Amino acid sequence: MRRRSPFPLVAVVVVAVLLLSVVGFMLFGRGDASGSPEEVIRDFYEFESTGDFGNAWELFHPEMKKKFSKSNYIQTKNHVFMGHMGVEEFDVEIGKLEKVERFAFDDEGIVFKDVRKAQVDMFYDSQFGELIVSQPCYVALYKGKWKVLWNYHFK
């Protein structure tokens, strides 16, 4: 009796693994789906500027998510910016990214190391005329992904 070559079985397994890898990459993206610090800040404010506050909230660091539930964040942002201010969209300018060695997030003593910071200016055409809000935006690594933080350390 002649032995069959394992080549067809090996070829099928290799092709299956490659197909699964391609499908996984298409569904889940890169291993670091949050991208670079610049990309995360840009994506966050792009979501914000078009009123997509739910997707913006998803880019928050877990410490930020403790400050706002998703539904509360969406409702508050819609109420204040879309409702009271009469804003539908706004323009954003993101300044140069800086490395911050130590960032005190809040007065409770939460400190992050190896953080990035950019000054963000938001330009609103509102019922009150042109408004410019300037806010420092911080990003810190959380489980290998850059996540957005704001400064709640007021001292």
N, C-alpha and C. Protein backbone atom coordinates (compact mmCIF):
# COMPACT_ATOMS: atom_id res chain seq x y z
N MET A 1 0.83 -1.17 0.00
CA MET A 1 0.00 0.00 0.00
C MET A 1 0.89 1.24 0.00
N ARG A 2 0.53 2.17 -0.83
CA ARG A 2 1.28 3.40 -0.97
C ARG A 2 0.82 4.44 0.03
N ARG A 3 1.75 5.15 0.63
CA ARG A 3 1.42 6.22 1.58
C ARG A 3 1.08 7.49 0.83
N ARG A 4 0.07 8.17 1.31
CA ARG A 4 -0.32 9.43 0.68
C ARG A 4 0.56 10.55 1.21
N SER A 5 0.84 11.49 0.37
CA SER A 5 1.64 12.64 0.76
C SER A 5 0.83 13.56 1.68
N PRO A 6 1.44 14.09 2.75
CA PRO A 6 0.71 15.01 3.65
C PRO A 6 0.56 16.40 3.06
N PHE A 7 1.13 16.63 1.87
CA PHE A 7 1.12 17.96 1.28
C PHE A 7 -0.27 18.56 1.13
N PRO A 8 -1.27 17.85 0.59
CA PRO A 8 -2.60 18.48 0.45
C PRO A 8 -3.19 18.92 1.79
N LEU A 9 -3.02 18.12 2.83
CA LEU A 9 -3.55 18.49 4.15
C LEU A 9 -2.83 19.72 4.69
N VAL A 10 -1.51 19.76 4.55
CA VAL A 10 -0.72 20.90 5.02
C VAL A 10 -1.12 22.16 4.25
N ALA A 11 -1.30 22.03 2.95
CA ALA A 11 -1.69 23.19 2.13
C ALA A 11 -3.05 23.72 2.56
N VAL A 12 -3.99 22.85 2.84
CA VAL A 12 -5.32 23.27 3.27
C VAL A 12 -5.24 24.00 4.61
N VAL A 13 -4.45 23.48 5.53
CA VAL A 13 -4.29 24.11 6.85
C VAL A 13 -3.65 25.49 6.71
N VAL A 14 -2.61 25.60 5.90
CA VAL A 14 -1.92 26.88 5.71
C VAL A 14 -2.88 27.91 5.09
N VAL A 15 -3.62 27.51 4.07
CA VAL A 15 -4.57 28.42 3.44
C VAL A 15 -5.65 28.84 4.44
N ALA A 16 -6.15 27.92 5.24
CA ALA A 16 -7.18 28.24 6.24
C ALA A 16 -6.65 29.24 7.25
N VAL A 17 -5.44 29.03 7.74
CA VAL A 17 -4.84 29.95 8.71
C VAL A 17 -4.67 31.34 8.10
N LEU A 18 -4.19 31.40 6.86
CA LEU A 18 -4.03 32.69 6.20
C LEU A 18 -5.37 33.40 6.02
N LEU A 19 -6.40 32.67 5.61
CA LEU A 19 -7.72 33.27 5.45
C LEU A 19 -8.26 33.78 6.78
N LEU A 20 -8.12 32.99 7.82
CA LEU A 20 -8.57 33.42 9.14
C LEU A 20 -7.81 34.66 9.61
N SER A 21 -6.52 34.72 9.31
CA SER A 21 -5.72 35.89 9.69
C SER A 21 -6.20 37.14 8.97
N VAL A 22 -6.48 37.01 7.67
CA VAL A 22 -6.94 38.16 6.89
C VAL A 22 -8.31 38.62 7.40
N VAL A 23 -9.22 37.67 7.63
CA VAL A 23 -10.54 38.02 8.14
C VAL A 23 -10.43 38.68 9.52
N GLY A 24 -9.59 38.13 10.40
CA GLY A 24 -9.39 38.72 11.72
C GLY A 24 -8.84 40.12 11.64
N PHE A 25 -7.89 40.35 10.74
CA PHE A 25 -7.32 41.68 10.58
C PHE A 25 -8.38 42.66 10.08
N MET A 26 -9.22 42.19 9.14
CA MET A 26 -10.26 43.06 8.61
C MET A 26 -11.31 43.39 9.67
N LEU A 27 -11.64 42.43 10.50
CA LEU A 27 -12.66 42.65 11.53
C LEU A 27 -12.14 43.45 12.71
N PHE A 28 -10.93 43.15 13.14
CA PHE A 28 -10.43 43.73 14.39
C PHE A 28 -9.29 44.70 14.20
N GLY A 29 -8.80 44.86 13.00
CA GLY A 29 -7.73 45.82 12.74
C GLY A 29 -6.41 45.35 13.30
N ARG A 30 -5.53 46.31 13.48
CA ARG A 30 -4.21 46.02 14.01
C ARG A 30 -4.33 45.60 15.47
N GLY A 31 -3.26 45.06 16.00
CA GLY A 31 -3.23 44.69 17.41
C GLY A 31 -3.49 45.89 18.29
N ASP A 32 -2.98 47.04 17.89
CA ASP A 32 -3.20 48.27 18.65
C ASP A 32 -4.20 49.11 17.88
N ALA A 33 -5.46 48.85 18.11
CA ALA A 33 -6.52 49.50 17.34
C ALA A 33 -6.62 50.98 17.65
N SER A 34 -6.07 51.42 18.77
CA SER A 34 -6.22 52.83 19.13
C SER A 34 -5.19 53.71 18.45
N GLY A 35 -4.19 53.14 17.79
CA GLY A 35 -3.24 53.92 17.03
C GLY A 35 -2.27 54.72 17.88
N SER A 36 -1.66 55.69 17.24
CA SER A 36 -0.67 56.54 17.90
C SER A 36 -1.38 57.58 18.77
N PRO A 37 -0.63 58.22 19.66
CA PRO A 37 -1.25 59.28 20.48
C PRO A 37 -1.91 60.37 19.63
N GLU A 38 -1.24 60.76 18.54
CA GLU A 38 -1.81 61.78 17.65
C GLU A 38 -3.12 61.31 17.03
N GLU A 39 -3.14 60.05 16.59
CA GLU A 39 -4.36 59.52 15.96
C GLU A 39 -5.52 59.47 16.95
N VAL A 40 -5.24 59.08 18.17
CA VAL A 40 -6.31 58.97 19.17
C VAL A 40 -6.90 60.34 19.48
N ILE A 41 -6.04 61.33 19.67
CA ILE A 41 -6.53 62.69 19.93
C ILE A 41 -7.31 63.20 18.72
N ARG A 42 -6.78 63.00 17.54
CA ARG A 42 -7.47 63.44 16.32
C ARG A 42 -8.83 62.75 16.19
N ASP A 43 -8.84 61.43 16.37
CA ASP A 43 -10.10 60.68 16.26
C ASP A 43 -11.11 61.14 17.30
N PHE A 44 -10.65 61.35 18.54
CA PHE A 44 -11.55 61.79 19.60
C PHE A 44 -12.25 63.09 19.22
N TYR A 45 -11.47 64.09 18.81
CA TYR A 45 -12.06 65.39 18.51
C TYR A 45 -12.80 65.40 17.18
N GLU A 46 -12.46 64.48 16.28
CA GLU A 46 -13.25 64.34 15.05
C GLU A 46 -14.65 63.83 15.40
N PHE A 47 -14.71 62.83 16.28
CA PHE A 47 -16.02 62.35 16.74
C PHE A 47 -16.78 63.48 17.44
N GLU A 48 -16.10 64.19 18.32
CA GLU A 48 -16.74 65.27 19.06
C GLU A 48 -17.28 66.35 18.12
N SER A 49 -16.47 66.72 17.13
CA SER A 49 -16.84 67.84 16.26
C SER A 49 -18.06 67.55 15.40
N THR A 50 -18.38 66.27 15.21
CA THR A 50 -19.55 65.91 14.40
C THR A 50 -20.72 65.44 15.27
N GLY A 51 -20.57 65.58 16.60
CA GLY A 51 -21.65 65.19 17.50
C GLY A 51 -21.71 63.71 17.80
N ASP A 52 -20.67 62.96 17.44
CA ASP A 52 -20.64 61.51 17.71
C ASP A 52 -19.99 61.29 19.08
N PHE A 53 -20.70 61.69 20.13
CA PHE A 53 -20.14 61.65 21.47
C PHE A 53 -20.00 60.23 22.02
N GLY A 54 -20.79 59.31 21.52
CA GLY A 54 -20.67 57.91 21.95
C GLY A 54 -19.33 57.31 21.54
N ASN A 55 -18.93 57.52 20.30
CA ASN A 55 -17.63 56.99 19.86
C ASN A 55 -16.48 57.76 20.50
N ALA A 56 -16.67 59.04 20.75
CA ALA A 56 -15.64 59.80 21.47
C ALA A 56 -15.45 59.21 22.86
N TRP A 57 -16.54 58.93 23.56
CA TRP A 57 -16.49 58.37 24.92
C TRP A 57 -15.71 57.06 24.93
N GLU A 58 -15.84 56.27 23.88
CA GLU A 58 -15.14 54.99 23.81
C GLU A 58 -13.63 55.16 23.85
N LEU A 59 -13.13 56.32 23.48
CA LEU A 59 -11.68 56.57 23.49
C LEU A 59 -11.18 57.10 24.83
N PHE A 60 -12.08 57.28 25.80
CA PHE A 60 -11.68 57.72 27.13
C PHE A 60 -10.92 56.63 27.87
N HIS A 61 -10.00 57.07 28.70
CA HIS A 61 -9.32 56.20 29.65
C HIS A 61 -10.37 55.76 30.69
N PRO A 62 -10.23 54.58 31.29
CA PRO A 62 -11.20 54.15 32.31
C PRO A 62 -11.40 55.15 33.44
N GLU A 63 -10.39 55.93 33.80
CA GLU A 63 -10.57 56.95 34.85
C GLU A 63 -11.54 58.03 34.39
N MET A 64 -11.53 58.35 33.10
CA MET A 64 -12.50 59.32 32.57
C MET A 64 -13.89 58.71 32.56
N LYS A 65 -13.97 57.43 32.24
CA LYS A 65 -15.27 56.76 32.19
C LYS A 65 -15.92 56.70 33.57
N LYS A 66 -15.09 56.78 34.63
CA LYS A 66 -15.64 56.84 35.99
C LYS A 66 -16.32 58.19 36.23
N LYS A 67 -15.87 59.22 35.54
CA LYS A 67 -16.44 60.56 35.72
C LYS A 67 -17.75 60.72 34.96
N PHE A 68 -17.89 60.00 33.86
CA PHE A 68 -19.09 60.11 33.02
C PHE A 68 -19.51 58.72 32.58
N SER A 69 -20.76 58.37 32.82
CA SER A 69 -21.27 57.16 32.16
C SER A 69 -21.44 57.55 30.69
N LYS A 70 -21.50 56.57 29.83
CA LYS A 70 -21.62 56.86 28.40
C LYS A 70 -22.90 57.64 28.11
N SER A 71 -24.01 57.19 28.67
CA SER A 71 -25.29 57.87 28.38
C SER A 71 -25.30 59.30 28.93
N ASN A 72 -24.73 59.49 30.12
CA ASN A 72 -24.66 60.83 30.71
C ASN A 72 -23.79 61.75 29.88
N TYR A 73 -22.67 61.24 29.40
CA TYR A 73 -21.77 62.04 28.58
C TYR A 73 -22.47 62.49 27.30
N ILE A 74 -23.10 61.54 26.62
CA ILE A 74 -23.79 61.85 25.37
C ILE A 74 -24.89 62.88 25.61
N GLN A 75 -25.70 62.67 26.64
CA GLN A 75 -26.81 63.60 26.93
C GLN A 75 -26.30 64.99 27.30
N THR A 76 -25.28 65.05 28.14
CA THR A 76 -24.75 66.35 28.57
C THR A 76 -24.14 67.11 27.40
N LYS A 77 -23.34 66.44 26.60
CA LYS A 77 -22.71 67.10 25.45
C LYS A 77 -23.78 67.59 24.47
N ASN A 78 -24.75 66.74 24.19
CA ASN A 78 -25.84 67.15 23.28
C ASN A 78 -26.60 68.33 23.86
N HIS A 79 -26.90 68.28 25.13
CA HIS A 79 -27.68 69.33 25.79
C HIS A 79 -26.94 70.67 25.76
N VAL A 80 -25.68 70.65 26.17
CA VAL A 80 -24.91 71.90 26.27
C VAL A 80 -24.53 72.44 24.90
N PHE A 81 -23.89 71.62 24.09
CA PHE A 81 -23.35 72.13 22.83
C PHE A 81 -24.40 72.23 21.73
N MET A 82 -25.17 71.19 21.55
CA MET A 82 -26.17 71.22 20.48
C MET A 82 -27.40 72.02 20.92
N GLY A 83 -27.83 71.83 22.16
CA GLY A 83 -29.04 72.49 22.64
C GLY A 83 -28.83 73.94 22.98
N HIS A 84 -28.09 74.21 24.06
CA HIS A 84 -27.93 75.58 24.54
C HIS A 84 -27.12 76.46 23.59
N MET A 85 -26.05 75.92 23.05
CA MET A 85 -25.18 76.75 22.21
C MET A 85 -25.65 76.79 20.76
N GLY A 86 -26.49 75.85 20.35
CA GLY A 86 -26.96 75.84 18.97
C GLY A 86 -25.89 75.45 17.98
N VAL A 87 -24.99 74.58 18.38
CA VAL A 87 -23.87 74.16 17.53
C VAL A 87 -24.19 72.81 16.90
N GLU A 88 -23.95 72.71 15.60
CA GLU A 88 -24.12 71.42 14.94
C GLU A 88 -22.78 70.73 14.72
N GLU A 89 -21.77 71.50 14.37
CA GLU A 89 -20.41 71.02 14.19
C GLU A 89 -19.46 72.12 14.62
N PHE A 90 -18.20 71.76 14.81
CA PHE A 90 -17.21 72.79 15.11
C PHE A 90 -15.87 72.38 14.53
N ASP A 91 -15.00 73.36 14.37
CA ASP A 91 -13.66 73.11 13.85
C ASP A 91 -12.70 72.89 15.00
N VAL A 92 -11.66 72.12 14.73
CA VAL A 92 -10.69 71.77 15.76
C VAL A 92 -9.28 71.99 15.22
N GLU A 93 -8.42 72.56 16.06
CA GLU A 93 -6.98 72.64 15.76
C GLU A 93 -6.26 71.96 16.90
N ILE A 94 -5.43 70.99 16.55
CA ILE A 94 -4.67 70.24 17.56
C ILE A 94 -3.22 70.67 17.48
N GLY A 95 -2.71 71.13 18.62
CA GLY A 95 -1.33 71.60 18.68
C GLY A 95 -0.33 70.47 18.67
N LYS A 96 0.92 70.86 18.79
CA LYS A 96 2.03 69.91 18.78
C LYS A 96 1.97 68.99 20.00
N LEU A 97 2.23 67.73 19.78
CA LEU A 97 2.22 66.74 20.85
C LEU A 97 3.50 66.86 21.69
N GLU A 98 3.33 66.85 23.00
CA GLU A 98 4.46 66.93 23.93
C GLU A 98 4.47 65.69 24.81
N LYS A 99 5.65 65.28 25.22
CA LYS A 99 5.77 64.18 26.17
C LYS A 99 5.74 64.76 27.57
N VAL A 100 4.92 64.16 28.44
CA VAL A 100 4.80 64.58 29.83
C VAL A 100 5.25 63.40 30.69
N GLU A 101 6.26 63.62 31.51
CA GLU A 101 6.81 62.54 32.33
C GLU A 101 5.86 62.10 33.43
N ARG A 102 5.16 63.08 34.01
CA ARG A 102 4.29 62.79 35.16
C ARG A 102 3.07 63.69 35.07
N PHE A 103 1.88 63.09 35.08
CA PHE A 103 0.64 63.84 34.94
C PHE A 103 -0.28 63.48 36.10
N ALA A 104 -0.62 64.50 36.93
CA ALA A 104 -1.55 64.30 38.04
C ALA A 104 -2.96 64.52 37.49
N PHE A 105 -3.70 63.45 37.39
CA PHE A 105 -5.03 63.47 36.77
C PHE A 105 -6.06 64.23 37.61
N ASP A 106 -6.04 64.00 38.93
CA ASP A 106 -7.06 64.62 39.77
C ASP A 106 -6.50 64.92 41.16
N ASP A 107 -7.30 65.55 41.98
CA ASP A 107 -6.87 65.93 43.33
C ASP A 107 -6.79 64.74 44.27
N GLU A 108 -7.27 63.57 43.83
CA GLU A 108 -7.21 62.37 44.66
C GLU A 108 -5.87 61.67 44.55
N GLY A 109 -4.97 62.21 43.75
CA GLY A 109 -3.62 61.68 43.68
C GLY A 109 -3.34 60.68 42.59
N ILE A 110 -4.25 60.51 41.64
CA ILE A 110 -3.99 59.58 40.54
C ILE A 110 -2.94 60.22 39.63
N VAL A 111 -1.83 59.52 39.46
CA VAL A 111 -0.71 60.04 38.67
C VAL A 111 -0.40 59.06 37.55
N PHE A 112 -0.19 59.59 36.37
CA PHE A 112 0.19 58.79 35.21
C PHE A 112 1.61 59.17 34.80
N LYS A 113 2.33 58.20 34.31
CA LYS A 113 3.68 58.44 33.80
C LYS A 113 3.69 58.17 32.31
N ASP A 114 4.62 58.80 31.62
CA ASP A 114 4.78 58.62 30.18
C ASP A 114 3.48 58.94 29.44
N VAL A 115 3.06 60.18 29.57
CA VAL A 115 1.82 60.67 28.99
C VAL A 115 2.16 61.60 27.83
N ARG A 116 1.24 61.75 26.90
CA ARG A 116 1.38 62.72 25.83
C ARG A 116 0.29 63.78 26.00
N LYS A 117 0.62 65.02 25.58
CA LYS A 117 -0.31 66.14 25.75
C LYS A 117 -0.31 66.99 24.49
N ALA A 118 -1.50 67.45 24.11
CA ALA A 118 -1.62 68.40 23.01
C ALA A 118 -2.66 69.45 23.40
N GLN A 119 -2.40 70.68 23.04
CA GLN A 119 -3.38 71.74 23.25
C GLN A 119 -4.38 71.68 22.12
N VAL A 120 -5.65 71.68 22.45
CA VAL A 120 -6.70 71.57 21.44
C VAL A 120 -7.57 72.82 21.50
N ASP A 121 -7.74 73.45 20.36
CA ASP A 121 -8.62 74.62 20.25
C ASP A 121 -9.84 74.22 19.43
N MET A 122 -11.01 74.50 19.99
CA MET A 122 -12.28 74.19 19.32
C MET A 122 -12.98 75.50 18.99
N PHE A 123 -13.37 75.65 17.74
CA PHE A 123 -13.97 76.88 17.24
C PHE A 123 -15.45 76.64 16.96
N TYR A 124 -16.30 77.35 17.71
CA TYR A 124 -17.75 77.18 17.62
C TYR A 124 -18.39 78.40 17.01
N ASP A 125 -19.27 78.19 16.04
CA ASP A 125 -20.18 79.24 15.57
C ASP A 125 -21.48 78.97 16.30
N SER A 126 -21.74 79.75 17.33
CA SER A 126 -22.88 79.46 18.20
C SER A 126 -23.88 80.61 18.18
N GLN A 127 -24.98 80.41 18.88
CA GLN A 127 -25.96 81.49 19.00
C GLN A 127 -25.40 82.66 19.79
N PHE A 128 -24.26 82.47 20.44
CA PHE A 128 -23.60 83.53 21.19
C PHE A 128 -22.45 84.13 20.41
N GLY A 129 -22.37 83.81 19.13
CA GLY A 129 -21.27 84.28 18.29
C GLY A 129 -20.16 83.25 18.26
N GLU A 130 -19.02 83.67 17.75
CA GLU A 130 -17.89 82.75 17.66
C GLU A 130 -17.29 82.53 19.06
N LEU A 131 -17.13 81.30 19.41
CA LEU A 131 -16.51 80.93 20.69
C LEU A 131 -15.31 80.04 20.41
N ILE A 132 -14.27 80.23 21.20
CA ILE A 132 -13.09 79.37 21.11
C ILE A 132 -12.87 78.77 22.48
N VAL A 133 -12.85 77.46 22.53
CA VAL A 133 -12.54 76.75 23.77
C VAL A 133 -11.20 76.08 23.58
N SER A 134 -10.31 76.34 24.50
CA SER A 134 -8.97 75.76 24.44
C SER A 134 -8.82 74.78 25.60
N GLN A 135 -8.40 73.57 25.30
CA GLN A 135 -8.33 72.53 26.31
C GLN A 135 -7.10 71.66 26.09
N PRO A 136 -6.32 71.45 27.14
CA PRO A 136 -5.24 70.47 26.99
C PRO A 136 -5.85 69.06 26.98
N CYS A 137 -5.38 68.23 26.09
CA CYS A 137 -5.84 66.85 26.01
C CYS A 137 -4.64 65.95 26.26
N TYR A 138 -4.82 65.00 27.15
CA TYR A 138 -3.76 64.06 27.51
C TYR A 138 -4.15 62.67 27.04
N VAL A 139 -3.15 61.87 26.71
CA VAL A 139 -3.39 60.47 26.41
C VAL A 139 -2.36 59.64 27.18
N ALA A 140 -2.83 58.54 27.73
CA ALA A 140 -1.97 57.62 28.48
C ALA A 140 -2.26 56.21 27.99
N LEU A 141 -1.25 55.37 28.09
CA LEU A 141 -1.44 53.98 27.69
C LEU A 141 -2.27 53.24 28.73
N TYR A 142 -3.22 52.46 28.24
CA TYR A 142 -4.01 51.58 29.06
C TYR A 142 -4.15 50.28 28.29
N LYS A 143 -3.59 49.22 28.85
CA LYS A 143 -3.61 47.90 28.20
C LYS A 143 -3.11 47.98 26.77
N GLY A 144 -2.03 48.75 26.58
CA GLY A 144 -1.38 48.83 25.27
C GLY A 144 -2.03 49.78 24.28
N LYS A 145 -3.06 50.52 24.70
CA LYS A 145 -3.74 51.45 23.81
C LYS A 145 -3.75 52.83 24.42
N TRP A 146 -3.59 53.86 23.59
CA TRP A 146 -3.64 55.23 24.06
C TRP A 146 -5.09 55.61 24.31
N LYS A 147 -5.33 56.21 25.48
CA LYS A 147 -6.68 56.60 25.88
C LYS A 147 -6.68 58.05 26.36
N VAL A 148 -7.77 58.74 26.12
CA VAL A 148 -7.92 60.18 26.38
C VAL A 148 -8.18 60.46 27.86
N LEU A 149 -7.50 61.49 28.35
CA LEU A 149 -7.70 62.01 29.71
C LEU A 149 -7.79 63.53 29.65
N TRP A 150 -8.56 64.10 30.54
CA TRP A 150 -8.55 65.53 30.74
C TRP A 150 -7.98 65.81 32.12
N ASN A 151 -7.64 67.05 32.38
CA ASN A 151 -7.03 67.43 33.65
C ASN A 151 -8.10 67.79 34.67
N TYR A 152 -8.13 67.06 35.77
CA TYR A 152 -9.03 67.34 36.88
C TYR A 152 -8.24 67.68 38.15
N HIS A 153 -6.97 68.02 37.98
CA HIS A 153 -6.11 68.40 39.11
C HIS A 153 -6.04 69.92 39.12
N PHE A 154 -6.82 70.55 39.99
CA PHE A 154 -7.00 71.99 39.94
C PHE A 154 -6.08 72.77 40.86
N LYS A 155 -5.15 72.12 41.49
CA LYS A 155 -4.24 72.84 42.41
C LYS A 155 -3.02 73.30 41.70
